[in-house]
């Protein structure tokens, strides 16, 4: 082979070596780029999931809306925490009872984050005191961590008794028994006001308060929805006082007279107490009203009675709320922080 042939062969070999090196470098770079894209997509997926989950927690009441009312919510429950007012969610206002429901059913959070690797904490905004903590913080060896922060207001207090979605007992004839109302929501599954037809053996028809509770807590009636209600009265009695000897025959007049007599005995005539504020979100302090029942020998099992005059199509929600003594019922600024990781 002459010198020209040798030179050509050497040039070709060098070119092939260079091409091979360049191709290898490009392949390496493509693999690195591919890994980075996978990491980026995975990161974006985590961030989207944690963002959507945090938004749902603070903006939605959940599905079903009143999931917190049952002791054992369905396994597919979506645990939103937002307050419901006039049938609509109030974003960034969290209901104390929903937070409590999530605390005792933490597995429901997985329905939002779709992973076992999650950590939720809600703390007071002013001093970082924990209100609820679910799971454990991300481990140090987690490959990717996504976090969402939300500033919210906590509606204070613990709901210990609810009368929800109240409607007129006789909408077909609104002129009859114009003050009789009942709870059609069934939680608690009771009739209220002079139309109450529960029995003392049903614990869901009463609530429990003693003198020690009055020292530890302040009690309020909270109005959560009020459409078309023009006036309302209320009163507390012993859990059995009106039940005995007057419920069995379902006679409206006897029940009404029994309730009126018992309220007159406790509060003086007329026994019914007037709501001074019927606005939505109103808190009515009732410590003194409950104490009078105890002072008259009633309790600690008690009943709440309502007497409401309204349009037959109106609705009225009311709850008995307790807060730690001296805390007040002002809404509490809180921070919600949610982590998920791989």
C-alpha atoms as a PDB file:
ATOM      1  CA  UNK A   1       0.000   0.000   0.000  1.00  0.00           C
ATOM      2  CA  UNK A   2       1.398   3.403  -0.978  1.00  0.00           C
ATOM      3  CA  UNK A   3       1.671   6.422   1.330  1.00  0.00           C
ATOM      4  CA  UNK A   4      -1.530   7.999   0.008  1.00  0.00           C
ATOM      5  CA  UNK A   5      -3.508   4.878   0.850  1.00  0.00           C
ATOM      6  CA  UNK A   6      -2.047   4.735   4.327  1.00  0.00           C
ATOM      7  CA  UNK A   7      -2.882   8.387   4.926  1.00  0.00           C
ATOM      8  CA  UNK A   8      -6.509   7.923   3.766  1.00  0.00           C
ATOM      9  CA  UNK A   9      -7.001   4.887   5.995  1.00  0.00           C
ATOM     10  CA  UNK A  10      -5.567   6.700   9.004  1.00  0.00           C
ATOM     11  CA  UNK A  11      -7.816   9.700   8.360  1.00  0.00           C
ATOM     12  CA  UNK A  12     -10.893   7.490   8.128  1.00  0.00           C
ATOM     13  CA  UNK A  13     -10.026   5.713  11.375  1.00  0.00           C
ATOM     14  CA  UNK A  14      -9.467   8.996  13.166  1.00  0.00           C
ATOM     15  CA  UNK A  15     -12.766  10.326  11.828  1.00  0.00           C
ATOM     16  CA  UNK A  16     -14.582   7.206  12.989  1.00  0.00           C
ATOM     17  CA  UNK A  17     -13.000   7.509  16.423  1.00  0.00           C
ATOM     18  CA  UNK A  18     -14.031  11.153  16.660  1.00  0.00           C
ATOM     19  CA  UNK A  19     -17.568  10.356  15.480  1.00  0.00           C
ATOM     20  CA  UNK A  20     -17.810   7.541  18.019  1.00  0.00           C
ATOM     21  CA  UNK A  21     -16.632   9.804  20.827  1.00  0.00           C
ATOM     22  CA  UNK A  22     -19.018  12.571  19.787  1.00  0.00           C
ATOM     23  CA  UNK A  23     -21.902  10.094  19.473  1.00  0.00           C
ATOM     24  CA  UNK A  24     -21.114   8.698  22.917  1.00  0.00           C
ATOM     25  CA  UNK A  25     -21.075  12.194  24.375  1.00  0.00           C
ATOM     26  CA  UNK A  26     -24.385  12.998  22.697  1.00  0.00           C
ATOM     27  CA  UNK A  27     -25.872   9.758  24.014  1.00  0.00           C
ATOM     28  CA  UNK A  28     -24.668  10.548  27.519  1.00  0.00           C
ATOM     29  CA  UNK A  29     -26.107  14.031  27.280  1.00  0.00           C
ATOM     30  CA  UNK A  30     -29.404  12.640  25.980  1.00  0.00           C
ATOM     31  CA  UNK A  31     -29.568  10.208  28.884  1.00  0.00           C
ATOM     32  CA  UNK A  32     -28.805  13.004  31.351  1.00  0.00           C
ATOM     33  CA  UNK A  33     -31.455  15.179  29.682  1.00  0.00           C
ATOM     34  CA  UNK A  34     -33.936  12.295  29.799  1.00  0.00           C
ATOM     35  CA  UNK A  35     -33.294  11.763  33.504  1.00  0.00           C
ATOM     36  CA  UNK A  36     -33.680  15.474  34.121  1.00  0.00           C
ATOM     37  CA  UNK A  37     -36.948  15.501  32.179  1.00  0.00           C
ATOM     38  CA  UNK A  38     -38.212  12.569  34.209  1.00  0.00           C
ATOM     39  CA  UNK A  39     -37.242  14.361  37.412  1.00  0.00           C
ATOM     40  CA  UNK A  40     -38.880  17.554  36.150  1.00  0.00           C
ATOM     41  CA  UNK A  41     -42.104  15.792  35.180  1.00  0.00           C
ATOM     42  CA  UNK A  42     -42.148  13.916  38.477  1.00  0.00           C
ATOM     43  CA  UNK A  43     -41.527  17.133  40.368  1.00  0.00           C
ATOM     44  CA  UNK A  44     -44.265  18.900  38.443  1.00  0.00           C
ATOM     45  CA  UNK A  45     -46.653  16.028  39.186  1.00  0.00           C
ATOM     46  CA  UNK A  46     -45.875  16.162  42.920  1.00  0.00           C
ATOM     47  CA  UNK A  47     -46.309  19.932  43.042  1.00  0.00           C
ATOM     48  CA  UNK A  48     -49.576  19.761  41.129  1.00  0.00           C
ATOM     49  CA  UNK A  49     -50.885  17.052  43.454  1.00  0.00           C
ATOM     50  CA  UNK A  50     -49.955  18.867  46.660  1.00  0.00           C
ATOM     51  CA  UNK A  51     -51.341  22.161  45.312  1.00  0.00           C
ATOM     52  CA  UNK A  52     -54.653  20.599  44.292  1.00  0.00           C
ATOM     53  CA  UNK A  53     -54.951  18.734  47.606  1.00  0.00           C
ATOM     54  CA  UNK A  54     -54.244  21.841  49.708  1.00  0.00           C
ATOM     55  CA  UNK A  55     -56.701  23.899  47.665  1.00  0.00           C
ATOM     56  CA  UNK A  56     -59.390  21.245  48.140  1.00  0.00           C
ATOM     57  CA  UNK A  57     -58.818  21.122  51.897  1.00  0.00           C
ATOM     58  CA  UNK A  58     -59.293  24.880  52.378  1.00  0.00           C
ATOM     59  CA  UNK A  59     -61.834  25.651  49.636  1.00  0.00           C
ATOM     60  CA  UNK A  60     -64.234  22.703  49.728  1.00  0.00           C
ATOM     61  CA  UNK A  61     -66.412  21.311  52.541  1.00  0.00           C
ATOM     62  CA  UNK A  62     -65.704  17.841  51.179  1.00  0.00           C
ATOM     63  CA  UNK A  63     -67.721  15.120  49.534  1.00  0.00           C
ATOM     64  CA  UNK A  64     -70.203  14.412  50.984  1.00  0.00           C
ATOM     65  CA  UNK A  65     -70.514  17.978  52.287  1.00  0.00           C
ATOM     66  CA  UNK A  66     -71.276  16.987  55.873  1.00  0.00           C
ATOM     67  CA  UNK A  67     -68.892  14.029  56.037  1.00  0.00           C
ATOM     68  CA  UNK A  68     -67.723  15.023  59.550  1.00  0.00           C
ATOM     69  CA  UNK A  69     -71.113  14.311  61.141  1.00  0.00           C
ATOM     70  CA  UNK A  70     -70.755  10.543  61.091  1.00  0.00           C
ATOM     71  CA  UNK A  71     -68.459   8.583  63.381  1.00  0.00           C
ATOM     72  CA  UNK A  72     -67.232   6.449  60.464  1.00  0.00           C
ATOM     73  CA  UNK A  73     -67.206   8.355  57.149  1.00  0.00           C
ATOM     74  CA  UNK A  74     -67.230   6.220  53.971  1.00  0.00           C
ATOM     75  CA  UNK A  75     -63.812   5.087  52.786  1.00  0.00           C
ATOM     76  CA  UNK A  76     -64.096   7.179  49.585  1.00  0.00           C
ATOM     77  CA  UNK A  77     -64.825  10.428  51.456  1.00  0.00           C
ATOM     78  CA  UNK A  78     -62.997  13.534  50.223  1.00  0.00           C
ATOM     79  CA  UNK A  79     -62.201  15.438  53.442  1.00  0.00           C
ATOM     80  CA  UNK A  80     -62.650  19.133  52.705  1.00  0.00           C
ATOM     81  CA  UNK A  81     -62.425  21.467  55.715  1.00  0.00           C
ATOM     82  CA  UNK A  82     -64.254  24.597  54.525  1.00  0.00           C
ATOM     83  CA  UNK A  83     -67.226  26.057  56.375  1.00  0.00           C
ATOM     84  CA  UNK A  84     -70.644  25.909  54.683  1.00  0.00           C
ATOM     85  CA  UNK A  85     -72.786  29.047  54.920  1.00  0.00           C
ATOM     86  CA  UNK A  86     -76.231  29.352  53.315  1.00  0.00           C
ATOM     87  CA  UNK A  87     -75.513  26.153  51.438  1.00  0.00           C
ATOM     88  CA  UNK A  88     -72.242  27.430  49.902  1.00  0.00           C
ATOM     89  CA  UNK A  89     -68.615  26.756  50.893  1.00  0.00           C
ATOM     90  CA  UNK A  90     -66.638  29.639  52.383  1.00  0.00           C
ATOM     91  CA  UNK A  91     -63.031  29.279  51.109  1.00  0.00           C
ATOM     92  CA  UNK A  92     -60.211  29.568  53.642  1.00  0.00           C
ATOM     93  CA  UNK A  93     -62.564  29.407  56.654  1.00  0.00           C
ATOM     94  CA  UNK A  94     -62.049  26.032  58.311  1.00  0.00           C
ATOM     95  CA  UNK A  95     -64.650  24.301  60.459  1.00  0.00           C
ATOM     96  CA  UNK A  96     -63.366  23.010  63.795  1.00  0.00           C
ATOM     97  CA  UNK A  97     -65.468  19.842  63.611  1.00  0.00           C
ATOM     98  CA  UNK A  98     -64.178  18.945  60.134  1.00  0.00           C
ATOM     99  CA  UNK A  99     -60.606  19.263  61.397  1.00  0.00           C
ATOM    100  CA  UNK A 100     -61.543  17.009  64.306  1.00  0.00           C
ATOM    101  CA  UNK A 101     -63.137  14.552  61.888  1.00  0.00           C
ATOM    102  CA  UNK A 102     -59.926  14.387  59.858  1.00  0.00           C
ATOM    103  CA  UNK A 103     -57.878  13.945  63.029  1.00  0.00           C
ATOM    104  CA  UNK A 104     -59.856  10.808  63.916  1.00  0.00           C
ATOM    105  CA  UNK A 105     -60.017   9.579  60.311  1.00  0.00           C
ATOM    106  CA  UNK A 106     -56.527  10.464  58.981  1.00  0.00           C
ATOM    107  CA  UNK A 107     -56.680   7.780  56.299  1.00  0.00           C
ATOM    108  CA  UNK A 108     -59.106   9.976  54.348  1.00  0.00           C
ATOM    109  CA  UNK A 109     -56.277  12.354  53.439  1.00  0.00           C
ATOM    110  CA  UNK A 110     -54.870   9.705  51.101  1.00  0.00           C
ATOM    111  CA  UNK A 111     -57.955  10.201  48.893  1.00  0.00           C
ATOM    112  CA  UNK A 112     -56.585  13.658  48.060  1.00  0.00           C
ATOM    113  CA  UNK A 113     -52.829  13.062  47.849  1.00  0.00           C
ATOM    114  CA  UNK A 114     -52.905   9.559  46.316  1.00  0.00           C
ATOM    115  CA  UNK A 115     -49.816   8.424  48.215  1.00  0.00           C
ATOM    116  CA  UNK A 116     -48.857   7.081  51.622  1.00  0.00           C
ATOM    117  CA  UNK A 117     -46.086   9.676  51.872  1.00  0.00           C
ATOM    118  CA  UNK A 118     -47.851  12.714  53.310  1.00  0.00           C
ATOM    119  CA  UNK A 119     -47.653  15.054  56.282  1.00  0.00           C
ATOM    120  CA  UNK A 120     -50.282  17.637  57.224  1.00  0.00           C
ATOM    121  CA  UNK A 121     -49.981  20.184  59.997  1.00  0.00           C
ATOM    122  CA  UNK A 122     -52.268  23.086  60.935  1.00  0.00           C
ATOM    123  CA  UNK A 123     -50.839  25.572  63.432  1.00  0.00           C
ATOM    124  CA  UNK A 124     -51.885  28.878  64.965  1.00  0.00           C
ATOM    125  CA  UNK A 125     -50.433  31.685  62.881  1.00  0.00           C
ATOM    126  CA  UNK A 126     -49.324  33.783  65.859  1.00  0.00           C
ATOM    127  CA  UNK A 127     -47.309  31.212  67.836  1.00  0.00           C
ATOM    128  CA  UNK A 128     -47.163  28.032  65.673  1.00  0.00           C
ATOM    129  CA  UNK A 129     -49.036  25.997  68.291  1.00  0.00           C
ATOM    130  CA  UNK A 130     -50.150  22.767  66.538  1.00  0.00           C
ATOM    131  CA  UNK A 131     -53.891  22.258  66.131  1.00  0.00           C
ATOM    132  CA  UNK A 132     -53.699  19.047  64.132  1.00  0.00           C
ATOM    133  CA  UNK A 133     -50.803  16.916  62.888  1.00  0.00           C
ATOM    134  CA  UNK A 134     -51.255  13.926  60.594  1.00  0.00           C
ATOM    135  CA  UNK A 135     -48.352  11.716  59.581  1.00  0.00           C
ATOM    136  CA  UNK A 136     -44.643  12.408  60.011  1.00  0.00           C
ATOM    137  CA  UNK A 137     -42.364  15.000  58.353  1.00  0.00           C
ATOM    138  CA  UNK A 138     -40.567  13.952  55.139  1.00  0.00           C
ATOM    139  CA  UNK A 139     -37.515  11.734  55.771  1.00  0.00           C
ATOM    140  CA  UNK A 140     -34.055  13.033  54.988  1.00  0.00           C
ATOM    141  CA  UNK A 141     -33.607  10.440  52.214  1.00  0.00           C
ATOM    142  CA  UNK A 142     -36.704  11.489  50.248  1.00  0.00           C
ATOM    143  CA  UNK A 143     -35.786  12.050  46.598  1.00  0.00           C
ATOM    144  CA  UNK A 144     -38.453  14.673  45.907  1.00  0.00           C
ATOM    145  CA  UNK A 145     -40.540  16.744  48.341  1.00  0.00           C
ATOM    146  CA  UNK A 146     -43.406  19.065  47.430  1.00  0.00           C
ATOM    147  CA  UNK A 147     -45.064  21.429  49.899  1.00  0.00           C
ATOM    148  CA  UNK A 148     -48.096  23.729  49.880  1.00  0.00           C
ATOM    149  CA  UNK A 149     -48.816  26.502  52.401  1.00  0.00           C
ATOM    150  CA  UNK A 150     -52.206  28.107  52.968  1.00  0.00           C
ATOM    151  CA  UNK A 151     -53.267  30.897  55.336  1.00  0.00           C
ATOM    152  CA  UNK A 152     -56.770  30.388  56.728  1.00  0.00           C
ATOM    153  CA  UNK A 153     -59.151  31.271  59.541  1.00  0.00           C
ATOM    154  CA  UNK A 154     -60.334  28.630  61.976  1.00  0.00           C
ATOM    155  CA  UNK A 155     -63.944  28.949  63.117  1.00  0.00           C
ATOM    156  CA  UNK A 156     -63.421  28.264  66.818  1.00  0.00           C
ATOM    157  CA  UNK A 157     -65.029  25.898  69.242  1.00  0.00           C
ATOM    158  CA  UNK A 158     -66.241  22.345  69.344  1.00  0.00           C
ATOM    159  CA  UNK A 159     -69.741  21.615  68.104  1.00  0.00           C
ATOM    160  CA  UNK A 160     -71.399  19.408  70.686  1.00  0.00           C
ATOM    161  CA  UNK A 161     -74.947  19.531  69.387  1.00  0.00           C
ATOM    162  CA  UNK A 162     -76.472  20.379  66.002  1.00  0.00           C
ATOM    163  CA  UNK A 163     -79.889  21.101  64.583  1.00  0.00           C
ATOM    164  CA  UNK A 164     -79.268  21.154  60.872  1.00  0.00           C
ATOM    165  CA  UNK A 165     -81.440  22.003  57.887  1.00  0.00           C
ATOM    166  CA  UNK A 166     -84.518  22.787  59.961  1.00  0.00           C
ATOM    167  CA  UNK A 167     -87.739  23.308  58.040  1.00  0.00           C
ATOM    168  CA  UNK A 168     -91.371  23.857  58.866  1.00  0.00           C
ATOM    169  CA  UNK A 169     -93.114  20.822  60.317  1.00  0.00           C
ATOM    170  CA  UNK A 170     -96.306  21.404  58.368  1.00  0.00           C
ATOM    171  CA  UNK A 171     -95.485  23.267  55.133  1.00  0.00           C
ATOM    172  CA  UNK A 172     -98.787  22.236  53.533  1.00  0.00           C
ATOM    173  CA  UNK A 173    -100.705  24.146  56.200  1.00  0.00           C
ATOM    174  CA  UNK A 174     -98.446  26.956  57.445  1.00  0.00           C
ATOM    175  CA  UNK A 175    -101.279  28.437  59.492  1.00  0.00           C
ATOM    176  CA  UNK A 176    -101.283  25.375  61.742  1.00  0.00           C
ATOM    177  CA  UNK A 177     -98.592  25.016  64.401  1.00  0.00           C
ATOM    178  CA  UNK A 178     -96.737  27.955  62.943  1.00  0.00           C
ATOM    179  CA  UNK A 179     -93.925  27.614  65.477  1.00  0.00           C
ATOM    180  CA  UNK A 180     -93.224  23.866  65.151  1.00  0.00           C
ATOM    181  CA  UNK A 181     -89.978  22.868  63.468  1.00  0.00           C
ATOM    182  CA  UNK A 182     -88.023  19.673  63.039  1.00  0.00           C
ATOM    183  CA  UNK A 183     -84.644  18.441  61.853  1.00  0.00           C
ATOM    184  CA  UNK A 184     -85.049  16.723  58.498  1.00  0.00           C
ATOM    185  CA  UNK A 185     -81.295  16.127  58.206  1.00  0.00           C
ATOM    186  CA  UNK A 186     -81.380  13.415  60.854  1.00  0.00           C
ATOM    187  CA  UNK A 187     -78.184  14.437  62.619  1.00  0.00           C
ATOM    188  CA  UNK A 188     -78.998  14.216  65.387  1.00  0.00           C
ATOM    189  CA  UNK A 189     -82.106  12.298  64.283  1.00  0.00           C
ATOM    190  CA  UNK A 190     -84.536  14.300  66.376  1.00  0.00           C
ATOM    191  CA  UNK A 191     -87.475  16.630  66.239  1.00  0.00           C
ATOM    192  CA  UNK A 192     -86.935  20.011  67.853  1.00  0.00           C
ATOM    193  CA  UNK A 193     -89.049  22.736  69.373  1.00  0.00           C
ATOM    194  CA  UNK A 194     -92.552  21.944  70.618  1.00  0.00           C
ATOM    195  CA  UNK A 195     -92.764  19.205  68.004  1.00  0.00           C
ATOM    196  CA  UNK A 196     -90.031  17.137  69.663  1.00  0.00           C
ATOM    197  CA  UNK A 197     -90.904  13.435  69.624  1.00  0.00           C
ATOM    198  CA  UNK A 198     -87.660  11.860  70.793  1.00  0.00           C
ATOM    199  CA  UNK A 199     -87.312   9.701  73.857  1.00  0.00           C
ATOM    200  CA  UNK A 200     -84.982  10.033  76.819  1.00  0.00           C
ATOM    201  CA  UNK A 201     -83.385   6.679  75.961  1.00  0.00           C
ATOM    202  CA  UNK A 202     -81.929   8.127  72.753  1.00  0.00           C
ATOM    203  CA  UNK A 203     -78.605   9.770  73.740  1.00  0.00           C
ATOM    204  CA  UNK A 204     -78.446  11.647  70.443  1.00  0.00           C
ATOM    205  CA  UNK A 205     -81.468  13.698  71.475  1.00  0.00           C
ATOM    206  CA  UNK A 206     -79.642  15.376  74.372  1.00  0.00           C
ATOM    207  CA  UNK A 207     -76.268  16.861  75.261  1.00  0.00           C
ATOM    208  CA  UNK A 208     -74.244  16.721  78.480  1.00  0.00           C
ATOM    209  CA  UNK A 209     -73.157  19.736  80.558  1.00  0.00           C
ATOM    210  CA  UNK A 210     -72.337  19.886  84.288  1.00  0.00           C
ATOM    211  CA  UNK A 211     -70.969  22.594  86.598  1.00  0.00           C
ATOM    212  CA  UNK A 212     -67.362  21.553  85.919  1.00  0.00           C
ATOM    213  CA  UNK A 213     -67.938  21.966  82.185  1.00  0.00           C
ATOM    214  CA  UNK A 214     -69.219  25.496  82.786  1.00  0.00           C
ATOM    215  CA  UNK A 215     -65.982  26.298  84.597  1.00  0.00           C
ATOM    216  CA  UNK A 216     -63.839  24.919  81.779  1.00  0.00           C
ATOM    217  CA  UNK A 217     -65.807  26.116  78.759  1.00  0.00           C
ATOM    218  CA  UNK A 218     -67.922  28.974  77.451  1.00  0.00           C
ATOM    219  CA  UNK A 219     -71.035  27.908  75.531  1.00  0.00           C
ATOM    220  CA  UNK A 220     -72.572  29.651  72.536  1.00  0.00           C
ATOM    221  CA  UNK A 221     -75.430  29.040  70.144  1.00  0.00           C
ATOM    222  CA  UNK A 222     -74.149  29.636  66.626  1.00  0.00           C
ATOM    223  CA  UNK A 223     -76.430  30.381  63.690  1.00  0.00           C
ATOM    224  CA  UNK A 224     -74.935  28.791  60.569  1.00  0.00           C
ATOM    225  CA  UNK A 225     -77.752  29.420  58.098  1.00  0.00           C
ATOM    226  CA  UNK A 226     -80.813  31.598  58.241  1.00  0.00           C
ATOM    227  CA  UNK A 227     -83.083  32.138  55.270  1.00  0.00           C
ATOM    228  CA  UNK A 228     -86.483  33.668  55.777  1.00  0.00           C
ATOM    229  CA  UNK A 229     -86.524  33.393  59.579  1.00  0.00           C
ATOM    230  CA  UNK A 230     -88.127  36.473  61.118  1.00  0.00           C
ATOM    231  CA  UNK A 231     -87.990  35.629  64.823  1.00  0.00           C
ATOM    232  CA  UNK A 232     -86.780  32.796  67.009  1.00  0.00           C
ATOM    233  CA  UNK A 233     -86.896  31.776  70.676  1.00  0.00           C
ATOM    234  CA  UNK A 234     -84.903  29.150  72.523  1.00  0.00           C
ATOM    235  CA  UNK A 235     -84.615  27.446  75.879  1.00  0.00           C
ATOM    236  CA  UNK A 236     -82.901  24.574  77.681  1.00  0.00           C
ATOM    237  CA  UNK A 237     -84.487  21.902  79.859  1.00  0.00           C
ATOM    238  CA  UNK A 238     -83.458  18.714  81.581  1.00  0.00           C
ATOM    239  CA  UNK A 239     -83.170  15.849  79.110  1.00  0.00           C
ATOM    240  CA  UNK A 240     -86.088  13.937  80.651  1.00  0.00           C
ATOM    241  CA  UNK A 241     -88.310  16.633  82.122  1.00  0.00           C
ATOM    242  CA  UNK A 242     -90.540  17.184  79.103  1.00  0.00           C
ATOM    243  CA  UNK A 243     -90.317  13.615  77.883  1.00  0.00           C
ATOM    244  CA  UNK A 244     -91.953  11.951  80.877  1.00  0.00           C
ATOM    245  CA  UNK A 245     -95.727  11.448  80.627  1.00  0.00           C
ATOM    246  CA  UNK A 246     -96.183  13.821  77.686  1.00  0.00           C
ATOM    247  CA  UNK A 247     -94.582  12.287  74.592  1.00  0.00           C
ATOM    248  CA  UNK A 248     -96.364   9.000  74.212  1.00  0.00           C
ATOM    249  CA  UNK A 249     -99.632  10.248  72.740  1.00  0.00           C
ATOM    250  CA  UNK A 250     -98.043  12.686  70.227  1.00  0.00           C
ATOM    251  CA  UNK A 251    -100.532  15.368  71.185  1.00  0.00           C
ATOM    252  CA  UNK A 252     -99.176  18.744  70.041  1.00  0.00           C
ATOM    253  CA  UNK A 253    -100.923  20.753  72.732  1.00  0.00           C
ATOM    254  CA  UNK A 254     -99.740  18.532  75.573  1.00  0.00           C
ATOM    255  CA  UNK A 255     -96.169  18.666  74.335  1.00  0.00           C
ATOM    256  CA  UNK A 256     -96.303  22.428  73.858  1.00  0.00           C
ATOM    257  CA  UNK A 257     -97.819  22.937  77.309  1.00  0.00           C
ATOM    258  CA  UNK A 258     -95.226  20.667  78.917  1.00  0.00           C
ATOM    259  CA  UNK A 259     -92.367  22.560  77.291  1.00  0.00           C
ATOM    260  CA  UNK A 260     -93.822  25.936  78.197  1.00  0.00           C
ATOM    261  CA  UNK A 261     -94.371  24.868  81.812  1.00  0.00           C
ATOM    262  CA  UNK A 262     -90.817  23.591  82.184  1.00  0.00           C
ATOM    263  CA  UNK A 263     -89.279  26.701  80.616  1.00  0.00           C
ATOM    264  CA  UNK A 264     -91.458  28.899  82.869  1.00  0.00           C
ATOM    265  CA  UNK A 265     -90.193  26.967  85.881  1.00  0.00           C
ATOM    266  CA  UNK A 266     -86.555  27.469  84.888  1.00  0.00           C
ATOM    267  CA  UNK A 267     -86.512  31.006  83.513  1.00  0.00           C
ATOM    268  CA  UNK A 268     -89.680  32.565  84.905  1.00  0.00           C
ATOM    269  CA  UNK A 269     -92.644  33.648  82.830  1.00  0.00           C
ATOM    270  CA  UNK A 270     -92.475  33.774  79.892  1.00  0.00           C
ATOM    271  CA  UNK A 271     -89.924  30.990  79.814  1.00  0.00           C
ATOM    272  CA  UNK A 272     -88.872  31.260  76.190  1.00  0.00           C
ATOM    273  CA  UNK A 273     -85.657  33.271  75.652  1.00  0.00           C
ATOM    274  CA  UNK A 274     -85.370  35.634  72.668  1.00  0.00           C
ATOM    275  CA  UNK A 275     -82.578  35.551  70.132  1.00  0.00           C
ATOM    276  CA  UNK A 276     -81.201  39.061  70.006  1.00  0.00           C
ATOM    277  CA  UNK A 277     -79.197  38.421  66.831  1.00  0.00           C
ATOM    278  CA  UNK A 278     -80.414  36.265  63.956  1.00  0.00           C
ATOM    279  CA  UNK A 279     -77.594  37.140  61.547  1.00  0.00           C
ATOM    280  CA  UNK A 280     -75.626  34.312  59.967  1.00  0.00           C
ATOM    281  CA  UNK A 281     -72.504  33.547  61.960  1.00  0.00           C
ATOM    282  CA  UNK A 282     -73.916  35.071  65.146  1.00  0.00           C
ATOM    283  CA  UNK A 283     -72.681  33.617  68.453  1.00  0.00           C
ATOM    284  CA  UNK A 284     -75.164  33.854  71.332  1.00  0.00           C
ATOM    285  CA  UNK A 285     -73.643  33.255  74.814  1.00  0.00           C
ATOM    286  CA  UNK A 286     -75.751  30.772  76.808  1.00  0.00           C
ATOM    287  CA  UNK A 287     -73.653  29.892  79.898  1.00  0.00           C
ATOM    288  CA  UNK A 288     -76.152  31.556  82.245  1.00  0.00           C
ATOM    289  CA  UNK A 289     -79.103  29.916  80.488  1.00  0.00           C
ATOM    290  CA  UNK A 290     -77.589  26.438  80.892  1.00  0.00           C
ATOM    291  CA  UNK A 291     -76.579  27.121  84.501  1.00  0.00           C
ATOM    292  CA  UNK A 292     -80.189  27.922  85.412  1.00  0.00           C
ATOM    293  CA  UNK A 293     -81.193  24.406  84.353  1.00  0.00           C
ATOM    294  CA  UNK A 294     -78.549  22.947  86.686  1.00  0.00           C
ATOM    295  CA  UNK A 295     -79.587  25.318  89.483  1.00  0.00           C
ATOM    296  CA  UNK A 296     -83.185  24.086  89.136  1.00  0.00           C
ATOM    297  CA  UNK A 297     -82.111  20.466  89.561  1.00  0.00           C
ATOM    298  CA  UNK A 298     -81.916  19.561  85.870  1.00  0.00           C
ATOM    299  CA  UNK A 299     -79.120  18.050  83.847  1.00  0.00           C
ATOM    300  CA  UNK A 300     -76.451  17.105  83.221  1.00  0.00           C
ATOM    301  CA  UNK A 301     -78.329  15.631  80.234  1.00  0.00           C
ATOM    302  CA  UNK A 302     -80.157  18.516  78.591  1.00  0.00           C
ATOM    303  CA  UNK A 303     -82.305  19.373  75.598  1.00  0.00           C
ATOM    304  CA  UNK A 304     -82.273  22.481  73.444  1.00  0.00           C
ATOM    305  CA  UNK A 305     -85.680  23.705  72.244  1.00  0.00           C
ATOM    306  CA  UNK A 306     -86.339  26.120  69.388  1.00  0.00           C
ATOM    307  CA  UNK A 307     -89.457  28.065  68.570  1.00  0.00           C
ATOM    308  CA  UNK A 308     -89.189  29.704  65.163  1.00  0.00           C
ATOM    309  CA  UNK A 309     -91.708  31.787  63.236  1.00  0.00           C
ATOM    310  CA  UNK A 310     -90.997  31.842  59.547  1.00  0.00           C
ATOM    311  CA  UNK A 311     -92.052  31.258  56.014  1.00  0.00           C
ATOM    312  CA  UNK A 312     -92.700  27.523  55.443  1.00  0.00           C
ATOM    313  CA  UNK A 313     -89.939  27.418  52.802  1.00  0.00           C
ATOM    314  CA  UNK A 314     -87.303  28.919  55.078  1.00  0.00           C
ATOM    315  CA  UNK A 315     -84.363  27.045  56.559  1.00  0.00           C
ATOM    316  CA  UNK A 316     -82.456  27.452  59.781  1.00  0.00           C
ATOM    317  CA  UNK A 317     -79.247  25.768  61.036  1.00  0.00           C
ATOM    318  CA  UNK A 318     -78.056  26.105  64.621  1.00  0.00           C
ATOM    319  CA  UNK A 319     -75.293  24.493  66.658  1.00  0.00           C
ATOM    320  CA  UNK A 320     -74.266  24.512  70.297  1.00  0.00           C
ATOM    321  CA  UNK A 321     -70.560  25.348  70.425  1.00  0.00           C
ATOM    322  CA  UNK A 322     -68.158  25.317  73.326  1.00  0.00           C
ATOM    323  CA  UNK A 323     -64.754  27.018  73.525  1.00  0.00           C
ATOM    324  CA  UNK A 324     -62.183  27.030  76.288  1.00  0.00           C
ATOM    325  CA  UNK A 325     -63.142  29.501  79.013  1.00  0.00           C
ATOM    326  CA  UNK A 326     -61.928  32.986  78.158  1.00  0.00           C
ATOM    327  CA  UNK A 327     -60.840  32.102  74.611  1.00  0.00           C
ATOM    328  CA  UNK A 328     -63.775  33.878  73.030  1.00  0.00           C
ATOM    329  CA  UNK A 329     -65.351  33.054  69.710  1.00  0.00           C
ATOM    330  CA  UNK A 330     -63.165  35.208  67.475  1.00  0.00           C
ATOM    331  CA  UNK A 331     -61.890  33.391  64.433  1.00  0.00           C
ATOM    332  CA  UNK A 332     -58.314  32.130  64.794  1.00  0.00           C
ATOM    333  CA  UNK A 333     -55.687  32.784  62.067  1.00  0.00           C
ATOM    334  CA  UNK A 334     -53.998  29.491  61.170  1.00  0.00           C
ATOM    335  CA  UNK A 335     -51.509  28.105  58.677  1.00  0.00           C
ATOM    336  CA  UNK A 336     -52.065  24.827  56.851  1.00  0.00           C
ATOM    337  CA  UNK A 337     -48.948  23.094  55.527  1.00  0.00           C
ATOM    338  CA  UNK A 338     -49.121  19.907  53.432  1.00  0.00           C
ATOM    339  CA  UNK A 339     -46.111  17.815  52.321  1.00  0.00           C
ATOM    340  CA  UNK A 340     -45.925  14.864  49.939  1.00  0.00           C
ATOM    341  CA  UNK A 341     -42.793  13.126  48.715  1.00  0.00           C
ATOM    342  CA  UNK A 342     -41.215  10.246  46.826  1.00  0.00           C
END
